């Protein structure tokens, strides 16, 4: 079983539904679901989602770690 993404974990920890978060953001629920499942949104949308979940953007979308070649 795969470990949940930081975004999915934050949604779970919030005790809210994806629909309630999408509604609070003024976003279509289907579009928000695509973001939850891997679509990377523009920076402003990332910031808004993180703020709605009371997290930092870096907590939800951690910087990629580059491997040494």
N, C-alpha and C. Protein backbone atom coordinates (compact mmCIF):
# COMPACT_ATOMS: atom_id res chain seq x y z
N UNK A 1 0.84 -1.18 0.00
CA UNK A 1 0.00 0.00 0.00
C UNK A 1 0.88 1.25 0.00
N UNK A 2 0.54 2.20 -0.87
CA UNK A 2 1.35 3.42 -0.97
C UNK A 2 1.03 4.39 0.16
N UNK A 3 2.06 5.10 0.56
CA UNK A 3 1.93 6.12 1.59
C UNK A 3 1.13 7.29 0.99
N UNK A 4 0.17 7.86 1.74
CA UNK A 4 -0.59 8.99 1.19
C UNK A 4 0.31 10.20 0.96
N UNK A 5 -0.04 10.97 -0.05
CA UNK A 5 0.71 12.19 -0.34
C UNK A 5 0.49 13.19 0.79
N UNK A 6 1.37 14.17 0.92
CA UNK A 6 1.17 15.19 1.95
C UNK A 6 -0.18 15.91 1.80
N UNK A 7 -0.64 16.13 0.56
CA UNK A 7 -1.93 16.78 0.36
C UNK A 7 -3.06 15.90 0.87
N UNK A 8 -3.04 14.62 0.51
CA UNK A 8 -4.09 13.71 0.99
C UNK A 8 -4.07 13.62 2.51
N UNK A 9 -2.88 13.59 3.08
CA UNK A 9 -2.75 13.51 4.55
C UNK A 9 -3.33 14.77 5.20
N UNK A 10 -3.04 15.94 4.62
CA UNK A 10 -3.55 17.19 5.18
C UNK A 10 -5.08 17.25 5.09
N UNK A 11 -5.65 16.75 3.99
CA UNK A 11 -7.11 16.71 3.86
C UNK A 11 -7.69 15.80 4.93
N UNK A 12 -7.12 14.62 5.08
CA UNK A 12 -7.58 13.67 6.10
C UNK A 12 -7.49 14.28 7.49
N UNK A 13 -6.34 14.88 7.80
CA UNK A 13 -6.13 15.47 9.12
C UNK A 13 -7.09 16.63 9.40
N UNK A 14 -7.54 17.31 8.34
CA UNK A 14 -8.44 18.44 8.52
C UNK A 14 -9.85 17.99 8.93
N UNK A 15 -10.17 16.73 8.65
CA UNK A 15 -11.51 16.21 8.96
C UNK A 15 -12.57 16.71 7.99
N UNK A 16 -12.13 17.30 6.90
CA UNK A 16 -13.05 17.85 5.91
C UNK A 16 -13.08 16.99 4.67
N UNK A 17 -14.10 17.21 3.85
CA UNK A 17 -14.19 16.49 2.59
C UNK A 17 -13.52 17.30 1.49
N UNK A 18 -13.15 16.62 0.42
CA UNK A 18 -12.59 17.31 -0.74
C UNK A 18 -13.60 18.34 -1.26
N UNK A 19 -14.89 17.98 -1.24
CA UNK A 19 -15.91 18.89 -1.73
C UNK A 19 -15.96 20.17 -0.90
N UNK A 20 -15.89 20.05 0.43
CA UNK A 20 -15.97 21.25 1.26
C UNK A 20 -14.76 22.15 1.05
N UNK A 21 -13.61 21.55 0.82
CA UNK A 21 -12.39 22.34 0.58
C UNK A 21 -12.49 23.01 -0.80
N UNK A 22 -12.92 22.25 -1.80
CA UNK A 22 -13.08 22.83 -3.14
C UNK A 22 -14.08 23.98 -3.11
N UNK A 23 -15.18 23.80 -2.41
CA UNK A 23 -16.18 24.86 -2.30
C UNK A 23 -15.60 26.10 -1.64
N UNK A 24 -14.84 25.91 -0.57
CA UNK A 24 -14.24 27.04 0.14
C UNK A 24 -13.26 27.79 -0.75
N UNK A 25 -12.63 27.08 -1.68
CA UNK A 25 -11.67 27.68 -2.59
C UNK A 25 -12.34 28.24 -3.85
N UNK A 26 -13.64 27.99 -4.00
CA UNK A 26 -14.34 28.43 -5.21
C UNK A 26 -13.90 27.64 -6.42
N UNK A 27 -13.58 26.37 -6.20
CA UNK A 27 -13.01 25.52 -7.24
C UNK A 27 -13.97 24.37 -7.53
N UNK A 28 -14.00 23.95 -8.78
CA UNK A 28 -14.79 22.79 -9.17
C UNK A 28 -14.26 21.56 -8.43
N UNK A 29 -15.16 20.75 -7.89
CA UNK A 29 -14.74 19.57 -7.12
C UNK A 29 -13.92 18.60 -7.97
N UNK A 30 -14.29 18.43 -9.24
CA UNK A 30 -13.55 17.54 -10.13
C UNK A 30 -12.12 18.02 -10.36
N UNK A 31 -11.97 19.32 -10.52
CA UNK A 31 -10.62 19.88 -10.71
C UNK A 31 -9.79 19.69 -9.44
N UNK A 32 -10.39 19.93 -8.28
CA UNK A 32 -9.67 19.74 -7.03
C UNK A 32 -9.27 18.27 -6.87
N UNK A 33 -10.15 17.36 -7.26
CA UNK A 33 -9.83 15.93 -7.18
C UNK A 33 -8.62 15.60 -8.05
N UNK A 34 -8.53 16.22 -9.23
CA UNK A 34 -7.38 15.97 -10.10
C UNK A 34 -6.09 16.48 -9.45
N UNK A 35 -6.18 17.60 -8.74
CA UNK A 35 -5.02 18.12 -8.02
C UNK A 35 -4.62 17.14 -6.92
N UNK A 36 -5.60 16.66 -6.17
CA UNK A 36 -5.33 15.71 -5.09
C UNK A 36 -4.67 14.45 -5.64
N UNK A 37 -5.03 14.08 -6.86
CA UNK A 37 -4.50 12.85 -7.45
C UNK A 37 -3.29 13.06 -8.35
N UNK A 38 -2.63 14.23 -8.25
CA UNK A 38 -1.35 14.37 -8.91
C UNK A 38 -1.18 15.53 -9.86
N UNK A 39 -2.25 16.21 -10.29
CA UNK A 39 -2.09 17.38 -11.15
C UNK A 39 -1.46 18.50 -10.34
N UNK A 40 -0.37 19.06 -10.84
CA UNK A 40 0.28 20.14 -10.09
C UNK A 40 -0.27 21.48 -10.57
N UNK A 41 -0.95 22.20 -9.69
CA UNK A 41 -1.57 23.47 -10.08
C UNK A 41 -0.57 24.63 -10.09
N UNK A 42 -0.99 25.79 -10.59
CA UNK A 42 -0.14 26.98 -10.53
C UNK A 42 0.19 27.34 -9.08
N UNK A 43 1.28 28.08 -8.90
CA UNK A 43 1.75 28.43 -7.55
C UNK A 43 0.67 29.11 -6.71
N UNK A 44 -0.11 30.02 -7.30
CA UNK A 44 -1.15 30.72 -6.54
C UNK A 44 -2.19 29.75 -6.01
N UNK A 45 -2.52 28.74 -6.80
CA UNK A 45 -3.49 27.73 -6.37
C UNK A 45 -2.89 26.86 -5.26
N UNK A 46 -1.62 26.51 -5.39
CA UNK A 46 -0.94 25.75 -4.34
C UNK A 46 -0.99 26.53 -3.03
N UNK A 47 -0.69 27.82 -3.11
CA UNK A 47 -0.70 28.66 -1.91
C UNK A 47 -2.09 28.72 -1.28
N UNK A 48 -3.13 28.84 -2.11
CA UNK A 48 -4.50 28.92 -1.60
C UNK A 48 -4.92 27.61 -0.94
N UNK A 49 -4.57 26.49 -1.55
CA UNK A 49 -4.92 25.19 -0.97
C UNK A 49 -4.20 25.01 0.36
N UNK A 50 -2.92 25.31 0.39
CA UNK A 50 -2.14 25.17 1.63
C UNK A 50 -2.73 26.04 2.73
N UNK A 51 -3.07 27.28 2.40
CA UNK A 51 -3.65 28.18 3.40
C UNK A 51 -4.99 27.66 3.90
N UNK A 52 -5.80 27.12 3.00
CA UNK A 52 -7.11 26.58 3.40
C UNK A 52 -6.94 25.41 4.36
N UNK A 53 -5.86 24.65 4.19
CA UNK A 53 -5.59 23.49 5.05
C UNK A 53 -4.69 23.84 6.24
N UNK A 54 -4.40 25.14 6.37
CA UNK A 54 -3.56 25.64 7.47
C UNK A 54 -2.19 24.97 7.49
N UNK A 55 -1.60 24.87 6.31
CA UNK A 55 -0.27 24.31 6.13
C UNK A 55 0.53 25.26 5.26
N UNK A 56 1.82 25.04 5.19
CA UNK A 56 2.62 25.81 4.24
C UNK A 56 2.61 25.08 2.90
N UNK A 57 2.91 25.82 1.87
CA UNK A 57 2.97 25.20 0.54
C UNK A 57 4.04 24.12 0.51
N UNK A 58 5.16 24.36 1.17
CA UNK A 58 6.25 23.37 1.21
C UNK A 58 5.85 22.10 1.95
N UNK A 59 4.94 22.20 2.89
CA UNK A 59 4.46 20.99 3.58
C UNK A 59 3.59 20.14 2.66
N UNK A 60 2.81 20.80 1.82
CA UNK A 60 1.90 20.08 0.92
C UNK A 60 2.64 19.59 -0.32
N UNK A 61 3.50 20.44 -0.86
CA UNK A 61 4.29 20.08 -2.03
C UNK A 61 5.76 20.25 -1.69
N UNK A 62 6.35 19.26 -1.01
CA UNK A 62 7.76 19.38 -0.62
C UNK A 62 8.65 19.50 -1.86
N UNK A 63 9.73 20.27 -1.73
CA UNK A 63 10.66 20.39 -2.85
C UNK A 63 11.19 19.01 -3.26
N UNK A 64 11.35 18.82 -4.54
CA UNK A 64 11.90 17.55 -5.02
C UNK A 64 13.36 17.44 -4.61
N UNK A 65 13.74 16.26 -4.20
CA UNK A 65 15.13 16.01 -3.83
C UNK A 65 15.80 15.38 -5.02
N UNK A 66 16.84 16.04 -5.52
CA UNK A 66 17.56 15.51 -6.66
C UNK A 66 18.59 14.51 -6.19
N UNK A 67 18.65 13.38 -6.90
CA UNK A 67 19.62 12.36 -6.52
C UNK A 67 20.97 12.67 -7.17
N UNK A 68 22.02 12.29 -6.47
CA UNK A 68 23.37 12.48 -7.00
C UNK A 68 23.63 11.42 -8.07
N UNK A 69 24.20 11.83 -9.17
CA UNK A 69 24.44 10.87 -10.27
C UNK A 69 25.82 10.28 -10.17
